[in-house]
Amino acid sequence: MLYICLVTKIAFQLRYFIALAYKGTKYHGWQYQPNALSIQECVQKALSTILRTPVELVGAGRTDAGVHAVQLYAHTDLEEVEDPEALVYKVNAFLPNDIVLKSMLAVHPEAHARFDALSRSYEYRILLERDPFLLDTTWQLTRQKLDIDQMNTAAKELLNHTNFKCFSRSNSDVKTFDCQVSRAEWVLTDVHLVFHITANRFLRNMVRAIVGTLIEVGLGKTSLDQFTEIILSRNRSHAGPSAPAQGLFLTRVNYPEHLFVDHG
């Protein structure tokens, strides 16, 4: 009797972190939506087309419609990519010009783009003059006189609290409203006013609600004591209006080094 042994090649999958940058003006945020164009949909479609296999991404977090990212990570499981740089080049040729893949990095199989992030940093960019070329990427305030010192004093108060329900979108379905803010600072350079904020996590709409409330502090509509009372109230209706989406940028997501596979 003749026995035939068939040897099949087993395709092993690796987990990759994919770094992205995008201008969010034309998109309804990061997360896939059935009836609206999202960043996630575009990138998944590009990867799936190039690799000729369905690709699903898990992002480090969501950005809302019109919000931008200088750096956002997403993870996916793929058969080992022999030349990540070449794949990045091919995918970028397929993507629209306002979305860019920056890199692909192999990580350990349990690494998670969202849950393993140590911190996230945002910038909110305000222009204190009119500029038609920056309409999509700044909030342009031309007539308001802002007390930036008061705004910075109020911003420092954020580091003394952990519950930020007052700055969270109403009816948010989260287990906790606690966040550890490690930086909150306004920096003025010429006519560019930028709010820098870093925390271990953020609630939906949190940064834009904080910016809108701090602007009211700068305009003298809200005192420093009232700002503290707003935080302690844990009531979104007590805080100021949300700043427009176009000025917000996710600028950095930080991970522990041990997640990344060293191919050297």
Protein backbone atom coordinates (compact mmCIF):
# COMPACT_ATOMS: atom_id res chain seq x y z
CA MET A 1 0.00 0.00 0.00
CA LEU A 2 1.36 3.40 -0.96
CA TYR A 3 1.05 6.15 1.58
CA ILE A 4 1.33 9.70 0.37
CA CYS A 5 2.25 12.33 2.91
CA LEU A 6 1.05 15.78 2.02
CA VAL A 7 2.93 18.62 3.67
CA THR A 8 1.12 21.89 3.82
CA LYS A 9 2.73 25.16 4.61
CA ILE A 10 1.29 26.75 7.69
CA ALA A 11 0.98 30.50 7.44
CA PHE A 12 1.91 32.11 10.71
CA GLN A 13 0.47 35.49 11.51
CA LEU A 14 2.25 38.32 13.27
CA ARG A 15 0.77 41.35 14.91
CA TYR A 16 1.74 44.74 13.54
CA PHE A 17 1.31 48.27 14.82
CA ILE A 18 0.59 50.63 11.93
CA ALA A 19 1.34 54.33 12.45
CA LEU A 20 -0.96 56.74 10.62
CA ALA A 21 -1.32 60.46 10.05
CA TYR A 22 -4.33 62.12 8.50
CA LYS A 23 -6.22 65.31 7.91
CA GLY A 24 -9.72 64.53 9.13
CA THR A 25 -11.65 67.31 7.39
CA LYS A 26 -13.46 65.09 4.87
CA TYR A 27 -14.04 62.14 7.18
CA HIS A 28 -16.54 61.18 9.84
CA GLY A 29 -13.82 60.28 12.31
CA TRP A 30 -11.59 57.24 12.68
CA GLN A 31 -14.14 54.54 13.40
CA TYR A 32 -15.91 52.63 10.63
CA GLN A 33 -19.50 53.73 10.00
CA PRO A 34 -21.89 52.00 7.58
CA ASN A 35 -23.22 55.19 5.98
CA ALA A 36 -20.31 57.62 6.24
CA LEU A 37 -16.67 57.70 5.11
CA SER A 38 -14.15 57.01 7.87
CA ILE A 39 -10.36 56.79 8.16
CA GLN A 40 -10.59 53.16 9.29
CA GLU A 41 -12.59 52.18 6.20
CA CYS A 42 -10.12 53.80 3.82
CA VAL A 43 -7.05 52.22 5.40
CA GLN A 44 -8.63 48.76 5.73
CA LYS A 45 -9.72 48.90 2.08
CA ALA A 46 -6.23 49.90 0.92
CA LEU A 47 -4.49 47.18 2.92
CA SER A 48 -7.02 44.54 1.88
CA THR A 49 -6.58 45.47 -1.79
CA ILE A 50 -2.78 45.36 -1.71
CA LEU A 51 -2.57 42.18 0.37
CA ARG A 52 -5.54 40.51 -1.40
CA THR A 53 -7.03 39.41 1.90
CA PRO A 54 -9.50 41.05 4.33
CA VAL A 55 -7.73 43.25 6.88
CA GLU A 56 -9.30 44.59 10.06
CA LEU A 57 -7.71 47.29 12.18
CA VAL A 58 -8.09 48.05 15.89
CA GLY A 59 -7.32 51.71 16.57
CA ALA A 60 -5.69 53.31 19.61
CA GLY A 61 -8.85 55.37 20.01
CA ARG A 62 -11.45 57.33 18.12
CA THR A 63 -11.17 60.75 16.63
CA ASP A 64 -14.42 62.54 15.86
CA ALA A 65 -15.51 63.95 12.52
CA GLY A 66 -13.17 66.69 11.33
CA VAL A 67 -10.45 65.90 13.88
CA HIS A 68 -6.89 65.27 12.68
CA ALA A 69 -4.03 62.98 13.73
CA VAL A 70 -0.30 63.51 13.54
CA GLN A 71 0.15 60.04 15.01
CA LEU A 72 -2.41 57.32 15.55
CA TYR A 73 -1.61 53.64 15.90
CA ALA A 74 -3.77 50.70 14.91
CA HIS A 75 -2.97 47.00 15.14
CA THR A 76 -3.74 44.11 12.84
CA ASP A 77 -2.70 40.46 12.40
CA LEU A 78 -1.07 39.56 9.07
CA GLU A 79 1.06 36.86 7.54
CA GLU A 80 4.66 37.93 8.07
CA VAL A 81 5.48 40.97 5.94
CA GLU A 82 8.95 40.54 4.46
CA ASP A 83 9.41 44.19 3.56
CA PRO A 84 7.21 46.51 5.67
CA GLU A 85 8.65 49.65 4.06
CA ALA A 86 7.69 48.42 0.61
CA LEU A 87 4.17 47.61 1.79
CA VAL A 88 3.83 51.07 3.34
CA TYR A 89 4.87 52.60 0.01
CA LYS A 90 2.33 50.55 -1.93
CA VAL A 91 -0.53 51.31 0.46
CA ASN A 92 0.23 55.04 0.42
CA ALA A 93 0.01 54.98 -3.38
CA PHE A 94 -3.51 53.60 -3.00
CA LEU A 95 -4.69 55.90 -0.20
CA PRO A 96 -6.09 59.42 -0.68
CA ASN A 97 -3.51 62.15 -0.15
CA ASP A 98 -4.96 63.23 3.20
CA ILE A 99 -4.20 59.84 4.81
CA VAL A 100 -0.62 58.59 5.18
CA LEU A 101 0.85 55.37 6.55
CA LYS A 102 4.06 56.27 8.37
CA SER A 103 5.36 52.84 9.40
CA MET A 104 4.60 49.20 10.20
CA LEU A 105 6.18 47.73 13.32
CA ALA A 106 6.06 44.11 14.44
CA VAL A 107 4.86 43.73 18.04
CA HIS A 108 4.31 40.87 20.42
CA PRO A 109 1.09 38.91 19.75
CA GLU A 110 -0.70 40.18 22.86
CA ALA A 111 0.02 43.87 22.14
CA HIS A 112 -3.10 46.01 21.83
CA ALA A 113 -3.14 49.45 20.20
CA ARG A 114 -5.85 50.76 22.51
CA PHE A 115 -5.42 49.03 25.85
CA ASP A 116 -1.60 49.09 25.99
CA ALA A 117 -1.24 52.84 25.37
CA LEU A 118 0.45 54.53 28.33
CA SER A 119 -0.62 58.03 27.33
CA ARG A 120 -2.10 60.08 24.55
CA SER A 121 -1.31 63.69 23.67
CA TYR A 122 -3.47 66.22 21.88
CA GLU A 123 -2.98 69.74 20.62
CA TYR A 124 -5.76 72.24 20.06
CA ARG A 125 -4.64 74.92 17.62
CA ILE A 126 -6.07 78.44 17.64
CA LEU A 127 -5.10 81.20 15.24
CA LEU A 128 -5.48 84.75 16.49
CA GLU A 129 -5.95 86.16 12.99
CA ARG A 130 -7.64 85.21 9.73
CA ASP A 131 -5.89 82.86 7.32
CA PRO A 132 -7.85 81.22 4.48
CA PHE A 133 -5.23 78.48 4.15
CA LEU A 134 -5.67 77.30 7.74
CA LEU A 135 -9.45 77.22 7.92
CA ASP A 136 -9.53 73.41 8.10
CA THR A 137 -6.85 73.08 10.77
CA THR A 138 -7.34 75.94 13.25
CA TRP A 139 -10.05 77.71 15.19
CA GLN A 140 -9.64 81.31 14.11
CA LEU A 141 -10.39 83.85 16.85
CA THR A 142 -9.74 87.41 15.75
CA ARG A 143 -11.67 89.80 17.98
CA GLN A 144 -11.55 88.16 21.38
CA LYS A 145 -8.99 89.33 23.93
CA LEU A 146 -7.89 86.30 25.93
CA ASP A 147 -6.19 86.29 29.33
CA ILE A 148 -3.79 83.44 28.61
CA ASP A 149 -2.26 83.56 32.11
CA GLN A 150 -5.69 82.89 33.60
CA MET A 151 -6.26 80.14 31.07
CA ASN A 152 -2.98 78.49 32.08
CA THR A 153 -3.78 78.78 35.78
CA ALA A 154 -7.12 77.08 35.16
CA ALA A 155 -5.47 74.44 32.97
CA LYS A 156 -3.12 73.48 35.80
CA GLU A 157 -6.16 72.74 37.96
CA LEU A 158 -6.89 69.79 35.68
CA LEU A 159 -3.84 68.01 37.11
CA ASN A 160 -5.46 68.08 40.57
CA HIS A 161 -8.52 66.05 39.55
CA THR A 162 -9.30 62.66 38.04
CA ASN A 163 -13.05 62.64 37.38
CA PHE A 164 -13.85 64.60 34.21
CA LYS A 165 -17.47 63.69 33.66
CA CYS A 166 -18.25 67.40 33.27
CA PHE A 167 -16.21 67.41 30.04
CA SER A 168 -17.55 64.14 28.66
CA ARG A 169 -20.14 63.84 25.93
CA SER A 170 -23.58 63.30 27.47
CA ASN A 171 -24.77 59.70 27.74
CA SER A 172 -21.28 58.31 27.13
CA ASP A 173 -21.22 54.57 27.76
CA VAL A 174 -18.02 54.21 29.80
CA LYS A 175 -17.18 52.35 32.99
CA THR A 176 -15.29 55.25 34.51
CA PHE A 177 -14.85 58.97 33.96
CA ASP A 178 -11.42 58.94 35.61
CA CYS A 179 -8.39 60.17 33.66
CA GLN A 180 -4.89 61.03 34.83
CA VAL A 181 -3.87 64.33 33.21
CA SER A 182 -0.10 64.86 33.24
CA ARG A 183 0.15 68.01 31.11
CA ALA A 184 -2.25 70.86 30.37
CA GLU A 185 -0.68 74.03 29.03
CA TRP A 186 -1.31 76.89 26.63
CA VAL A 187 1.64 78.07 24.49
CA LEU A 188 1.49 81.31 22.51
CA THR A 189 3.87 81.79 19.57
CA ASP A 190 3.23 84.96 17.62
CA VAL A 191 -0.44 84.53 16.52
CA HIS A 192 -0.55 80.78 17.14
CA LEU A 193 -2.10 79.71 20.44
CA VAL A 194 -1.85 75.99 21.13
CA PHE A 195 -3.28 73.98 24.00
CA HIS A 196 -1.20 70.90 24.87
CA ILE A 197 -2.77 68.14 26.94
CA THR A 198 -1.54 64.64 27.82
CA ALA A 199 -3.38 61.95 29.81
CA ASN A 200 -3.51 58.21 30.17
CA ARG A 201 -6.93 58.23 28.50
CA PHE A 202 -9.56 60.68 27.27
CA LEU A 203 -13.33 60.71 27.30
CA ARG A 204 -15.33 61.43 24.16
CA ASN A 205 -15.31 65.15 23.34
CA MET A 206 -13.19 65.80 26.46
CA VAL A 207 -10.46 67.95 24.92
CA ARG A 208 -12.84 70.12 22.92
CA ALA A 209 -15.04 70.66 25.99
CA ILE A 210 -12.01 71.61 28.09
CA VAL A 211 -10.81 74.05 25.42
CA GLY A 212 -14.23 75.65 25.11
CA THR A 213 -14.44 76.11 28.88
CA LEU A 214 -10.90 77.48 29.15
CA ILE A 215 -11.71 80.02 26.43
CA GLU A 216 -14.55 81.25 28.65
CA VAL A 217 -12.00 81.63 31.45
CA GLY A 218 -9.79 83.65 29.10
CA LEU A 219 -12.73 85.88 28.17
CA GLY A 220 -13.54 86.53 31.81
CA LYS A 221 -16.89 84.73 31.61
CA THR A 222 -15.78 82.00 34.02
CA SER A 223 -13.61 82.59 37.10
CA LEU A 224 -10.93 80.24 38.38
CA ASP A 225 -13.15 79.23 41.29
CA GLN A 226 -16.02 78.58 38.92
CA PHE A 227 -13.76 76.43 36.74
CA THR A 228 -12.98 74.24 39.74
CA GLU A 229 -16.67 74.08 40.63
CA ILE A 230 -17.45 72.93 37.08
CA ILE A 231 -15.03 70.00 37.46
CA LEU A 232 -16.47 69.06 40.85
CA SER A 233 -20.04 69.29 39.54
CA ARG A 234 -19.51 66.34 37.18
CA ASN A 235 -22.23 67.91 35.04
CA ARG A 236 -21.63 68.56 31.33
CA SER A 237 -24.22 71.33 31.23
CA HIS A 238 -22.11 73.40 33.66
CA ALA A 239 -19.07 73.45 31.36
CA GLY A 240 -18.61 75.65 28.32
CA PRO A 241 -19.42 74.81 24.69
CA SER A 242 -17.15 72.44 22.80
CA ALA A 243 -14.50 74.03 20.61
CA PRO A 244 -14.84 73.30 16.87
CA ALA A 245 -13.41 70.01 15.62
CA GLN A 246 -11.02 71.43 13.04
CA GLY A 247 -8.49 72.72 15.59
CA LEU A 248 -7.95 69.37 17.32
CA PHE A 249 -4.98 67.08 16.60
CA LEU A 250 -4.03 63.78 18.16
CA THR A 251 -0.25 64.18 18.21
CA ARG A 252 1.23 61.20 20.06
CA VAL A 253 0.33 57.78 21.46
CA ASN A 254 2.96 56.37 23.80
CA TYR A 255 3.57 52.65 24.42
CA PRO A 256 5.97 50.61 26.56
CA GLU A 257 9.06 49.58 24.60
CA HIS A 258 8.72 45.89 25.45
CA LEU A 259 5.70 45.57 23.12
CA PHE A 260 7.86 45.98 20.03
CA VAL A 261 9.76 43.10 18.43
CA ASP A 262 13.45 43.83 17.93
CA HIS A 263 14.50 42.50 14.55
CA GLY A 264 18.03 43.80 14.96
